[in-house]
Amino acid sequence: MNPDLTDHSSRAQLSACYQTALLDDVVPFWLDHGLDPEHGGILTALDRDGTVLDTDKSVWFQGRAGWMFATLFNTVERHAEWLAASRSCVEFSRRHCFAPDGKMYFTVTREGRPLRMRRYVFSESFAAIGCAAFAKAANDARAADDAVKAFAAYLRHSFTPGVMPPKSEPTRPAKAIGPLMIAIGAAQELRANLGDVKVSGRSCTEWIDSSIAEIERDFLKPEHEALLETVAPDGALLDHYDGRTLNPGHALECAWFVLHEGALRQDRRLVQLGATIVDWMWTRGWDPEHGGLLYFTDLRGLPVQEYWHDMKFWWPHAEAIIATLLAWELTREPRFAQRHRLVHDWSFTRFPDPEYGEWYGYLHRDGTVSSRAKGTLWKGPFHLPRMLWYCSRLLTPHPQ
């Protein structure tokens, strides 16, 4: 389709497109193929037709899927099946995904036996949002408490010096934007579902404020018109592979978190900040030859180290669809509507599988399918259904 965001009937048609894809295609795919009726939780390593490729479970996705299903229950319709799916993920995570010291594993077996512990704590951030949404859906005080504890663990490991093992030698110290960006998104979800609760001495809003401020101060580089992924501790540019590597999809996700906060507060400065990131990182990421978003680019236009740099992954496109649509809604600048049309049309003509449903996750640069897998340890019911849910509601607002 060719969405015209200035036309009421076209907006309604686009909203229906997103909602139909969400409720008639993507969510049923995961309910039919991903849920584990024997051990609980969700399996995400699925073939094109939903056949299970591997039974090891992503701990990330117990939280992410728990959030998605509970959010649908809270905001779309109170379907018992969605609540049960969320409960299954939250309870599997509670039973099996925490190490004795309280840190969460990265992967476990189908039955819940631990396989891998990673140094970072994104599992905790997703457990926090899953528990928060489920707490609201089920009126479950224990889940609310679990959400606060998981977010506190995330904050402690991410921002308390010495708690998380260093990633590199101290020769060239660095920090990444990821923990700050995830803190914004997680705090927004806790606040939406539990209220502006205090976690580790600050309210959710205060964590959002401090994270946005650090991103703007240290990672946003007007002289380069870019949002960096990795910088020195004081925000200085690291003119090496890691410091120059840009992730446009990640930056666009960060942009819409900021835009969303600006919309909630009716804060024009935050809206402008988010729109600026969209402008710069769209230019940095859009492939002028084949269309779609390149996975990595270099700050100086030099060759990128990672060999998958020019592939087209599903999740940056989902984030770009949200970012461009939200930027248009908040600014009414025509370039954002044009970019939304470009990324919507490119994505919806290449990623969806009309035969078996859902989206392919990994395309070559020219948009042809690289892998037929619909799910992996990294791809499951989160980025795509979140985009479909968020955009549908943005185009046809609903009372909370």
Protein backbone atom coordinates (compact mmCIF):
# COMPACT_ATOMS: atom_id res chain seq x y z
CA MET A 1 0.00 0.00 0.00
CA ASN A 2 0.99 3.66 -0.29
CA PRO A 3 -0.04 5.20 3.05
CA ASP A 4 -1.04 8.87 2.98
CA LEU A 5 -0.77 10.04 6.56
CA THR A 6 -2.64 13.26 5.82
CA ASP A 7 -5.80 11.46 4.71
CA HIS A 8 -8.26 10.16 7.32
CA SER A 9 -9.43 7.12 5.36
CA SER A 10 -5.86 6.20 4.44
CA ARG A 11 -4.83 6.43 8.10
CA ALA A 12 -7.71 4.17 9.09
CA GLN A 13 -6.71 1.70 6.37
CA LEU A 14 -3.11 1.73 7.56
CA SER A 15 -4.15 1.23 11.18
CA ALA A 16 -6.28 -1.73 10.10
CA CYS A 17 -3.31 -3.12 8.14
CA TYR A 18 -1.16 -3.09 11.25
CA GLN A 19 -3.87 -4.51 13.49
CA THR A 20 -4.74 -7.29 11.04
CA ALA A 21 -1.09 -8.29 10.70
CA LEU A 22 -0.79 -8.30 14.49
CA LEU A 23 -3.95 -10.18 15.47
CA ASP A 24 -4.53 -12.43 12.44
CA ASP A 25 -0.95 -13.29 11.51
CA VAL A 26 1.90 -12.59 13.95
CA VAL A 27 0.32 -13.28 17.33
CA PRO A 28 -1.40 -16.52 16.18
CA PHE A 29 1.90 -17.75 14.75
CA TRP A 30 3.54 -17.54 18.15
CA LEU A 31 0.57 -18.84 20.09
CA ASP A 32 0.28 -21.84 17.75
CA HIS A 33 3.97 -22.71 17.46
CA GLY A 34 5.97 -21.05 20.23
CA LEU A 35 4.24 -21.75 23.51
CA ASP A 36 5.54 -24.78 25.38
CA PRO A 37 2.54 -26.68 26.79
CA GLU A 38 4.71 -29.18 28.64
CA HIS A 39 7.26 -27.04 30.50
CA GLY A 40 5.83 -23.55 30.15
CA GLY A 41 7.40 -20.47 28.64
CA ILE A 42 8.07 -19.88 24.96
CA LEU A 43 10.28 -21.51 22.34
CA THR A 44 11.57 -19.09 19.72
CA ALA A 45 13.83 -21.15 17.44
CA LEU A 46 11.23 -21.83 14.75
CA ASP A 47 11.43 -22.73 11.07
CA ARG A 48 9.45 -20.99 8.37
CA ASP A 49 6.33 -23.06 9.04
CA GLY A 50 6.66 -22.94 12.82
CA THR A 51 8.48 -26.25 13.21
CA VAL A 52 10.74 -26.17 16.26
CA LEU A 53 14.40 -26.00 15.24
CA ASP A 54 15.90 -26.02 18.72
CA THR A 55 14.32 -26.40 22.16
CA ASP A 56 16.80 -24.26 24.10
CA LYS A 57 15.02 -21.20 25.44
CA SER A 58 16.02 -17.56 25.26
CA VAL A 59 15.63 -15.99 28.68
CA TRP A 60 15.25 -12.62 26.97
CA PHE A 61 12.11 -13.84 25.33
CA GLN A 62 10.40 -15.13 28.43
CA GLY A 63 10.28 -11.46 29.51
CA ARG A 64 9.68 -9.98 26.08
CA ALA A 65 6.88 -12.38 25.17
CA GLY A 66 5.39 -12.06 28.64
CA TRP A 67 5.29 -8.30 28.09
CA MET A 68 3.79 -8.54 24.62
CA PHE A 69 0.95 -10.90 25.52
CA ALA A 70 0.10 -9.01 28.72
CA THR A 71 0.18 -5.70 26.86
CA LEU A 72 -2.30 -7.00 24.31
CA PHE A 73 -4.52 -8.13 27.18
CA ASN A 74 -4.21 -4.73 28.88
CA THR A 75 -4.77 -2.55 25.83
CA VAL A 76 -6.55 -4.44 23.02
CA GLU A 77 -8.92 -7.03 24.47
CA ARG A 78 -9.03 -9.13 27.60
CA HIS A 79 -8.43 -12.47 25.89
CA ALA A 80 -7.84 -15.26 28.40
CA GLU A 81 -5.42 -16.92 25.96
CA TRP A 82 -3.15 -13.87 25.98
CA LEU A 83 -3.15 -13.65 29.75
CA ALA A 84 -2.37 -17.37 30.02
CA ALA A 85 0.51 -17.02 27.55
CA SER A 86 1.98 -14.14 29.54
CA ARG A 87 1.56 -16.06 32.80
CA SER A 88 3.34 -19.08 31.31
CA CYS A 89 6.36 -16.98 30.33
CA VAL A 90 6.52 -15.06 33.62
CA GLU A 91 6.20 -18.18 35.74
CA PHE A 92 8.73 -20.18 33.70
CA SER A 93 11.17 -17.32 34.11
CA ARG A 94 10.53 -17.12 37.85
CA ARG A 95 11.07 -20.88 38.30
CA HIS A 96 14.06 -21.44 36.08
CA CYS A 97 15.85 -18.35 34.80
CA PHE A 98 17.55 -16.93 37.90
CA ALA A 99 20.97 -18.06 39.13
CA PRO A 100 21.48 -18.54 42.87
CA ASP A 101 23.04 -15.04 43.11
CA GLY A 102 19.92 -13.51 41.55
CA LYS A 103 21.39 -12.75 38.13
CA MET A 104 19.49 -14.13 35.16
CA TYR A 105 20.77 -16.65 32.66
CA PHE A 106 20.88 -15.93 28.94
CA THR A 107 19.73 -19.38 27.79
CA VAL A 108 18.26 -22.44 29.49
CA THR A 109 17.15 -25.85 28.27
CA ARG A 110 13.53 -26.53 27.43
CA GLU A 111 13.01 -27.86 30.94
CA GLY A 112 14.75 -24.84 32.46
CA ARG A 113 18.24 -26.10 33.26
CA PRO A 114 20.88 -23.35 32.90
CA LEU A 115 23.02 -23.25 29.77
CA ARG A 116 24.68 -19.85 29.53
CA MET A 117 25.23 -16.79 31.67
CA ARG A 118 26.30 -13.61 29.87
CA ARG A 119 27.98 -10.63 31.48
CA TYR A 120 25.29 -8.13 30.56
CA VAL A 121 21.85 -7.88 32.12
CA PHE A 122 19.33 -7.32 29.35
CA SER A 123 17.48 -10.45 30.48
CA GLU A 124 16.70 -8.57 33.71
CA SER A 125 15.35 -5.53 31.86
CA PHE A 126 12.97 -7.67 29.83
CA ALA A 127 11.92 -9.65 32.89
CA ALA A 128 11.08 -6.31 34.50
CA ILE A 129 8.76 -5.17 31.71
CA GLY A 130 7.18 -8.62 31.39
CA CYS A 131 6.42 -8.80 35.09
CA ALA A 132 5.12 -5.22 35.14
CA ALA A 133 2.66 -5.76 32.29
CA PHE A 134 1.56 -9.11 33.73
CA ALA A 135 1.11 -7.53 37.18
CA LYS A 136 -1.33 -5.05 35.70
CA ALA A 137 -3.12 -7.68 33.63
CA ALA A 138 -3.53 -10.18 36.48
CA ASN A 139 -3.62 -7.72 39.39
CA ASP A 140 -0.67 -9.67 40.74
CA ALA A 141 1.26 -7.93 43.53
CA ARG A 142 4.06 -10.51 43.47
CA ALA A 143 4.72 -9.84 39.80
CA ALA A 144 4.80 -6.10 40.48
CA ASP A 145 7.41 -6.69 43.17
CA ASP A 146 9.36 -8.95 40.81
CA ALA A 147 9.33 -6.19 38.18
CA VAL A 148 10.85 -3.67 40.57
CA LYS A 149 13.48 -6.16 41.76
CA ALA A 150 14.45 -7.11 38.20
CA PHE A 151 14.77 -3.47 37.15
CA ALA A 152 16.84 -2.74 40.26
CA ALA A 153 19.16 -5.62 39.34
CA TYR A 154 19.44 -4.26 35.80
CA LEU A 155 20.31 -0.78 37.06
CA ARG A 156 22.82 -2.09 39.59
CA HIS A 157 24.73 -4.20 37.09
CA SER A 158 24.57 -1.56 34.35
CA PHE A 159 25.50 1.57 36.24
CA THR A 160 27.37 0.62 39.44
CA PRO A 161 31.11 0.57 38.73
CA GLY A 162 32.73 -2.79 39.37
CA VAL A 163 29.55 -4.87 39.52
CA MET A 164 29.61 -6.03 35.90
CA PRO A 165 32.85 -7.67 34.72
CA PRO A 166 34.69 -5.42 32.24
CA LYS A 167 34.22 -6.22 28.59
CA SER A 168 37.72 -5.13 27.58
CA GLU A 169 41.09 -4.34 29.06
CA PRO A 170 41.45 -0.89 30.65
CA THR A 171 43.72 0.34 27.85
CA ARG A 172 40.87 2.11 26.04
CA PRO A 173 37.88 2.57 28.38
CA ALA A 174 34.49 2.94 26.73
CA LYS A 175 30.78 2.94 27.41
CA ALA A 176 27.83 1.93 25.23
CA ILE A 177 24.50 3.57 24.58
CA GLY A 178 22.59 0.29 24.98
CA PRO A 179 22.22 0.24 28.77
CA LEU A 180 20.95 3.83 28.83
CA MET A 181 18.49 3.25 26.02
CA ILE A 182 17.16 0.07 27.58
CA ALA A 183 16.80 1.90 30.90
CA ILE A 184 14.52 4.43 29.18
CA GLY A 185 12.31 1.80 27.59
CA ALA A 186 12.09 -0.35 30.71
CA ALA A 187 11.33 2.61 32.98
CA GLN A 188 8.61 3.76 30.60
CA GLU A 189 6.96 0.35 30.77
CA LEU A 190 7.18 0.09 34.56
CA ARG A 191 5.67 3.55 34.87
CA ALA A 192 2.88 2.73 32.41
CA ASN A 193 1.92 -0.43 34.27
CA LEU A 194 2.84 0.19 37.92
CA GLY A 195 2.86 3.97 38.20
CA ASP A 196 5.92 6.14 38.71
CA VAL A 197 7.42 3.77 41.27
CA LYS A 198 10.79 4.31 42.91
CA VAL A 199 13.52 1.86 42.02
CA SER A 200 17.00 2.08 43.52
CA GLY A 201 16.30 5.51 44.96
CA ARG A 202 14.83 7.18 41.87
CA SER A 203 11.42 7.27 40.26
CA CYS A 204 11.01 5.79 36.79
CA THR A 205 10.75 9.32 35.41
CA GLU A 206 14.02 10.28 37.07
CA TRP A 207 15.77 7.28 35.52
CA ILE A 208 14.37 8.31 32.13
CA ASP A 209 15.57 11.88 32.61
CA SER A 210 19.10 10.92 33.62
CA SER A 211 19.41 8.40 30.77
CA ILE A 212 18.22 10.84 28.11
CA ALA A 213 20.53 13.53 29.48
CA GLU A 214 23.58 11.26 29.28
CA ILE A 215 22.69 10.12 25.77
CA GLU A 216 22.28 13.71 24.61
CA ARG A 217 25.46 14.89 26.34
CA ASP A 218 27.82 12.07 25.42
CA PHE A 219 26.49 10.10 22.43
CA LEU A 220 24.79 12.73 20.26
CA LYS A 221 27.37 14.39 18.00
CA PRO A 222 26.05 17.44 16.12
CA GLU A 223 29.41 17.95 14.42
CA HIS A 224 28.96 14.53 12.76
CA GLU A 225 25.14 14.51 12.66
CA ALA A 226 25.12 11.07 14.25
CA LEU A 227 24.16 9.18 17.39
CA LEU A 228 27.11 7.01 18.39
CA GLU A 229 26.90 3.53 19.87
CA THR A 230 30.19 3.57 21.80
CA VAL A 231 32.16 6.48 23.23
CA ALA A 232 34.87 7.16 25.79
CA PRO A 233 33.62 7.56 29.38
CA ASP A 234 33.63 11.35 28.94
CA GLY A 235 31.80 11.14 25.61
CA ALA A 236 34.85 11.62 23.41
CA LEU A 237 34.91 9.95 20.00
CA LEU A 238 36.90 6.72 19.83
CA ASP A 239 38.26 6.86 16.29
CA HIS A 240 38.54 3.09 15.89
CA TYR A 241 36.22 0.43 14.49
CA ASP A 242 34.07 0.20 17.62
CA GLY A 243 33.78 3.93 18.09
CA ARG A 244 32.94 4.65 14.45
CA THR A 245 30.43 1.85 13.95
CA LEU A 246 26.86 3.16 13.77
CA ASN A 247 23.74 1.04 14.20
CA PRO A 248 20.97 3.07 12.51
CA GLY A 249 18.13 0.77 13.60
CA HIS A 250 19.24 0.89 17.22
CA ALA A 251 19.48 4.68 17.07
CA LEU A 252 15.99 4.94 15.54
CA GLU A 253 14.64 2.80 18.37
CA CYS A 254 16.28 5.19 20.83
CA ALA A 255 14.76 8.10 18.91
CA TRP A 256 11.22 6.87 19.27
CA PHE A 257 11.68 6.23 22.99
CA VAL A 258 12.61 9.91 23.28
CA LEU A 259 9.73 10.97 21.02
CA HIS A 260 7.33 8.86 23.08
CA GLU A 261 8.49 10.59 26.25
CA GLY A 262 8.12 13.97 24.58
CA ALA A 263 4.57 13.11 23.55
CA LEU A 264 3.60 11.98 27.05
CA ARG A 265 4.95 15.18 28.59
CA GLN A 266 4.01 17.48 25.70
CA ASP A 267 7.66 18.53 25.79
CA ARG A 268 8.67 20.12 22.49
CA ARG A 269 12.37 19.97 23.35
CA LEU A 270 12.27 16.19 23.71
CA VAL A 271 10.24 15.92 20.51
CA GLN A 272 12.86 17.96 18.68
CA LEU A 273 15.65 15.83 20.12
CA GLY A 274 13.98 12.62 18.97
CA ALA A 275 13.19 14.06 15.54
CA THR A 276 16.81 15.15 15.12
CA ILE A 277 18.01 11.61 15.81
CA VAL A 278 15.52 10.28 13.27
CA ASP A 279 16.79 12.77 10.67
CA TRP A 280 20.46 12.02 11.19
CA MET A 281 20.23 8.26 11.51
CA TRP A 282 17.80 7.80 8.63
CA THR A 283 20.36 9.53 6.43
CA ARG A 284 23.09 7.34 7.90
CA GLY A 285 21.20 4.09 7.46
CA TRP A 286 18.91 4.12 4.43
CA ASP A 287 20.38 2.16 1.52
CA PRO A 288 20.22 4.45 -1.56
CA GLU A 289 20.85 1.56 -3.94
CA HIS A 290 18.49 -1.19 -2.77
CA GLY A 291 16.32 0.53 -0.18
CA GLY A 292 15.91 -0.69 3.36
CA LEU A 293 18.12 -0.03 6.36
CA LEU A 294 21.73 -1.14 6.40
CA TYR A 295 22.61 -2.90 9.65
CA PHE A 296 25.88 -1.06 10.32
CA THR A 297 27.52 1.97 8.76
CA ASP A 298 30.73 3.85 9.55
CA LEU A 299 30.81 7.36 10.97
CA ARG A 300 33.37 8.44 8.37
CA GLY A 301 32.03 6.36 5.50
CA LEU A 302 34.85 3.84 5.84
CA PRO A 303 34.47 0.05 5.52
CA VAL A 304 32.69 -1.56 8.46
CA GLN A 305 34.33 -4.43 10.33
CA GLU A 306 31.25 -6.67 10.74
CA TYR A 307 30.60 -8.87 7.72
CA TRP A 308 26.78 -8.63 8.03
CA HIS A 309 26.90 -4.83 7.87
CA ASP A 310 24.86 -4.58 4.66
CA MET A 311 22.18 -7.16 5.52
CA LYS A 312 18.60 -6.10 6.19
CA PHE A 313 17.30 -7.41 9.53
CA TRP A 314 13.63 -7.35 10.54
CA TRP A 315 13.97 -5.40 13.77
CA PRO A 316 15.62 -2.16 12.51
CA HIS A 317 12.81 -1.86 9.99
CA ALA A 318 10.17 -2.35 12.68
CA GLU A 319 11.84 0.36 14.78
CA ALA A 320 12.13 2.68 11.78
CA ILE A 321 8.43 2.28 11.00
CA ILE A 322 7.57 3.41 14.54
CA ALA A 323 10.14 6.21 14.60
CA THR A 324 9.12 7.79 11.30
CA LEU A 325 5.40 7.50 12.03
CA LEU A 326 5.74 8.97 15.51
CA ALA A 327 8.00 11.77 14.25
CA TRP A 328 5.33 12.64 11.68
CA GLU A 329 2.53 12.56 14.23
CA LEU A 330 4.40 14.92 16.55
CA THR A 331 5.94 17.33 14.04
CA ARG A 332 3.82 17.08 10.85
CA GLU A 333 7.03 17.52 8.87
CA PRO A 334 6.40 15.97 5.40
CA ARG A 335 9.82 14.28 5.24
CA PHE A 336 8.84 11.95 8.08
CA ALA A 337 5.67 10.86 6.28
CA GLN A 338 7.72 10.23 3.14
CA ARG A 339 10.26 8.15 5.06
CA HIS A 340 7.51 6.20 6.79
CA ARG A 341 6.03 5.35 3.40
CA LEU A 342 9.41 4.22 2.12
CA VAL A 343 10.24 1.93 5.05
CA HIS A 344 6.67 0.61 5.37
CA ASP A 345 6.44 -0.31 1.69
CA TRP A 346 9.96 -1.78 1.54
CA SER A 347 9.35 -3.88 4.64
CA PHE A 348 5.86 -5.13 3.87
CA THR A 349 6.83 -6.25 0.35
CA ARG A 350 9.89 -8.24 1.53
CA PHE A 351 9.72 -9.50 5.11
CA PRO A 352 6.24 -11.10 5.37
CA ASP A 353 5.68 -14.74 4.42
CA PRO A 354 2.21 -14.97 2.84
CA GLU A 355 2.17 -18.77 3.03
CA TYR A 356 3.09 -19.47 6.65
CA GLY A 357 2.76 -16.07 8.28
CA GLU A 358 5.05 -13.86 10.39
CA TRP A 359 8.16 -12.17 8.96
CA TYR A 360 11.47 -13.52 7.84
CA GLY A 361 14.18 -12.08 10.03
CA TYR A 362 17.21 -11.87 7.79
CA LEU A 363 17.45 -10.60 4.23
CA HIS A 364 20.35 -9.97 1.90
CA ARG A 365 21.11 -6.41 0.92
CA ASP A 366 18.89 -6.68 -2.17
CA GLY A 367 15.92 -7.81 -0.06
CA THR A 368 16.01 -11.51 -0.90
CA VAL A 369 15.67 -14.00 1.95
CA SER A 370 18.89 -15.09 3.62
CA SER A 371 17.41 -17.43 6.23
CA ARG A 372 13.94 -18.98 6.28
CA ALA A 373 13.89 -19.12 10.11
CA LYS A 374 11.02 -17.18 11.68
CA GLY A 375 12.55 -17.30 15.14
CA THR A 376 15.92 -17.66 16.84
CA LEU A 377 17.34 -16.93 20.29
CA TRP A 378 17.26 -13.30 19.09
CA LYS A 379 14.01 -13.15 17.09
CA GLY A 380 10.66 -13.80 18.71
CA PRO A 381 7.38 -12.03 19.50
CA PHE A 382 8.66 -8.57 20.37
CA HIS A 383 9.99 -6.03 17.82
CA LEU A 384 7.49 -6.89 15.08
CA PRO A 385 4.31 -7.26 17.16
CA ARG A 386 5.32 -4.24 19.25
CA MET A 387 5.56 -2.18 16.06
CA LEU A 388 2.21 -3.41 14.75
CA TRP A 389 0.55 -2.76 18.11
CA TYR A 390 2.11 0.66 18.66
CA CYS A 391 1.48 1.99 15.14
CA SER A 392 -2.10 0.74 15.02
CA ARG A 393 -2.88 2.55 18.24
CA LEU A 394 -0.98 5.66 17.20
CA LEU A 395 -3.09 5.97 14.06
CA THR A 396 -6.35 5.21 15.89
CA PRO A 397 -5.88 6.33 19.49
CA HIS A 398 -7.54 4.27 22.20
CA PRO A 399 -8.15 5.17 25.83
CA GLN A 400 -5.73 3.46 28.21
